[in-house]
Amino acid sequence: MEKINKSEELMETISTMDSEHSVRQFFIPGKGIFTVVLQEEDHLSISSEVKVNPELKRMINESREEYNQGKGMSTAELLKSLSPKDFAE
């Protein structure tokens, strides 16, 4: 799993995502493990993607379980929780 230490590394990770590599999981020290899913408007449905990618199915199920346990946060909450200190070396 990729470890992100700087905001530039986070942006690089996101910028390399495309339809072939649409799911990334990484660790930010002091915050935890994150899963990012690239969603494109003209992309296949999630159900068809899950059929092709069993790892995606596992990650979605894991994410749903954690959300039901109250472990989830919105993107806005995530962004508010991050500061430059989180990316300090």
C-alpha atoms as a PDB file:
ATOM      1  CA  MET A   1       0.000   0.000   0.000  1.00  0.00           C
ATOM      2  CA  GLU A   2       1.267   3.431  -0.927  1.00  0.00           C
ATOM      3  CA  LYS A   3       2.225   5.819   1.888  1.00  0.00           C
ATOM      4  CA  ILE A   4       1.479   9.498   1.245  1.00  0.00           C
ATOM      5  CA  ASN A   5       3.658  12.001   3.110  1.00  0.00           C
ATOM      6  CA  LYS A   6       3.142  15.203   1.104  1.00  0.00           C
ATOM      7  CA  SER A   7       0.200  16.904  -0.553  1.00  0.00           C
ATOM      8  CA  GLU A   8       2.129  16.764  -3.830  1.00  0.00           C
ATOM      9  CA  GLU A   9       2.275  12.958  -3.534  1.00  0.00           C
ATOM     10  CA  LEU A  10      -1.486  12.841  -2.987  1.00  0.00           C
ATOM     11  CA  MET A  11      -2.103  14.952  -6.092  1.00  0.00           C
ATOM     12  CA  GLU A  12       0.314  12.803  -8.123  1.00  0.00           C
ATOM     13  CA  THR A  13      -1.503   9.654  -6.993  1.00  0.00           C
ATOM     14  CA  ILE A  14      -4.878  11.078  -8.004  1.00  0.00           C
ATOM     15  CA  SER A  15      -3.591  12.496 -11.298  1.00  0.00           C
ATOM     16  CA  THR A  16      -2.364   9.063 -12.442  1.00  0.00           C
ATOM     17  CA  MET A  17      -5.818   7.516 -12.094  1.00  0.00           C
ATOM     18  CA  ASP A  18      -7.743   6.635 -15.242  1.00  0.00           C
ATOM     19  CA  SER A  19     -10.433   4.210 -16.359  1.00  0.00           C
ATOM     20  CA  GLU A  20      -7.943   1.322 -16.238  1.00  0.00           C
ATOM     21  CA  HIS A  21      -6.658   2.286 -12.770  1.00  0.00           C
ATOM     22  CA  SER A  22      -9.767   3.769 -11.164  1.00  0.00           C
ATOM     23  CA  VAL A  23      -9.308   2.592  -7.552  1.00  0.00           C
ATOM     24  CA  ARG A  24      -6.379   3.578  -5.345  1.00  0.00           C
ATOM     25  CA  GLN A  25      -5.802   2.766  -1.719  1.00  0.00           C
ATOM     26  CA  PHE A  26      -3.176   4.647   0.293  1.00  0.00           C
ATOM     27  CA  PHE A  27      -2.113   5.470   3.839  1.00  0.00           C
ATOM     28  CA  ILE A  28      -1.694   8.958   5.305  1.00  0.00           C
ATOM     29  CA  PRO A  29       0.221   8.847   8.598  1.00  0.00           C
ATOM     30  CA  GLY A  30      -1.860  10.192  11.448  1.00  0.00           C
ATOM     31  CA  LYS A  31      -5.101   9.856   9.461  1.00  0.00           C
ATOM     32  CA  GLY A  32      -5.404   6.264   8.246  1.00  0.00           C
ATOM     33  CA  ILE A  33      -6.131   4.281   5.110  1.00  0.00           C
ATOM     34  CA  PHE A  34      -8.089   5.837   2.251  1.00  0.00           C
ATOM     35  CA  THR A  35      -9.723   4.364  -0.824  1.00  0.00           C
ATOM     36  CA  VAL A  36     -10.350   6.680  -3.774  1.00  0.00           C
ATOM     37  CA  VAL A  37     -12.571   5.642  -6.672  1.00  0.00           C
ATOM     38  CA  LEU A  38     -12.462   7.584  -9.934  1.00  0.00           C
ATOM     39  CA  GLN A  39     -15.948   7.913 -11.368  1.00  0.00           C
ATOM     40  CA  GLU A  40     -16.365   8.989 -14.959  1.00  0.00           C
ATOM     41  CA  GLU A  41     -19.678   9.999 -16.465  1.00  0.00           C
ATOM     42  CA  ASP A  42     -19.398   7.696 -19.469  1.00  0.00           C
ATOM     43  CA  HIS A  43     -17.984   4.818 -17.431  1.00  0.00           C
ATOM     44  CA  LEU A  44     -19.523   1.383 -17.010  1.00  0.00           C
ATOM     45  CA  SER A  45     -21.978   0.881 -14.167  1.00  0.00           C
ATOM     46  CA  ILE A  46     -20.573  -0.048 -10.775  1.00  0.00           C
ATOM     47  CA  SER A  47     -22.182  -3.487 -10.950  1.00  0.00           C
ATOM     48  CA  SER A  48     -20.449  -4.271 -14.245  1.00  0.00           C
ATOM     49  CA  GLU A  49     -17.122  -3.003 -12.854  1.00  0.00           C
ATOM     50  CA  VAL A  50     -17.532  -5.236  -9.789  1.00  0.00           C
ATOM     51  CA  LYS A  51     -18.088  -8.264 -12.027  1.00  0.00           C
ATOM     52  CA  VAL A  52     -14.801  -7.555 -13.797  1.00  0.00           C
ATOM     53  CA  ASN A  53     -12.821  -6.597 -10.686  1.00  0.00           C
ATOM     54  CA  PRO A  54     -13.302  -8.777  -7.557  1.00  0.00           C
ATOM     55  CA  GLU A  55     -10.914  -6.523  -5.605  1.00  0.00           C
ATOM     56  CA  LEU A  56     -13.276  -3.596  -6.214  1.00  0.00           C
ATOM     57  CA  LYS A  57     -16.175  -5.656  -4.886  1.00  0.00           C
ATOM     58  CA  ARG A  58     -14.188  -6.441  -1.722  1.00  0.00           C
ATOM     59  CA  MET A  59     -13.261  -2.779  -1.233  1.00  0.00           C
ATOM     60  CA  ILE A  60     -16.857  -1.603  -1.742  1.00  0.00           C
ATOM     61  CA  ASN A  61     -18.189  -4.174   0.722  1.00  0.00           C
ATOM     62  CA  GLU A  62     -15.515  -3.205   3.248  1.00  0.00           C
ATOM     63  CA  SER A  63     -16.341   0.470   2.798  1.00  0.00           C
ATOM     64  CA  ARG A  64     -20.075  -0.142   3.247  1.00  0.00           C
ATOM     65  CA  GLU A  65     -19.452  -2.140   6.413  1.00  0.00           C
ATOM     66  CA  GLU A  66     -17.271   0.621   7.869  1.00  0.00           C
ATOM     67  CA  TYR A  67     -19.863   3.254   6.916  1.00  0.00           C
ATOM     68  CA  ASN A  68     -22.581   1.253   8.690  1.00  0.00           C
ATOM     69  CA  GLN A  69     -20.334   1.139  11.762  1.00  0.00           C
ATOM     70  CA  GLY A  70     -20.099   4.942  11.715  1.00  0.00           C
ATOM     71  CA  LYS A  71     -16.487   4.994  10.577  1.00  0.00           C
ATOM     72  CA  GLY A  72     -17.142   6.959   7.390  1.00  0.00           C
ATOM     73  CA  MET A  73     -16.678  10.648   6.681  1.00  0.00           C
ATOM     74  CA  SER A  74     -17.667  12.900   3.842  1.00  0.00           C
ATOM     75  CA  THR A  75     -15.146  14.416   1.455  1.00  0.00           C
ATOM     76  CA  ALA A  76     -15.763  17.809   3.072  1.00  0.00           C
ATOM     77  CA  GLU A  77     -15.032  16.339   6.516  1.00  0.00           C
ATOM     78  CA  LEU A  78     -11.847  14.733   5.186  1.00  0.00           C
ATOM     79  CA  LEU A  79     -10.603  17.960   3.626  1.00  0.00           C
ATOM     80  CA  LYS A  80     -11.358  19.923   6.808  1.00  0.00           C
ATOM     81  CA  SER A  81      -9.431  17.365   8.864  1.00  0.00           C
ATOM     82  CA  LEU A  82      -6.235  17.659   6.784  1.00  0.00           C
ATOM     83  CA  SER A  83      -3.583  20.279   7.426  1.00  0.00           C
ATOM     84  CA  PRO A  84      -0.061  20.899   6.096  1.00  0.00           C
ATOM     85  CA  LYS A  85       1.271  19.200   9.248  1.00  0.00           C
ATOM     86  CA  ASP A  86      -0.258  15.918   8.038  1.00  0.00           C
ATOM     87  CA  PHE A  87       2.126  15.955   5.086  1.00  0.00           C
ATOM     88  CA  ALA A  88       5.258  17.078   6.953  1.00  0.00           C
ATOM     89  CA  GLU A  89       8.275  14.880   6.599  1.00  0.00           C
END
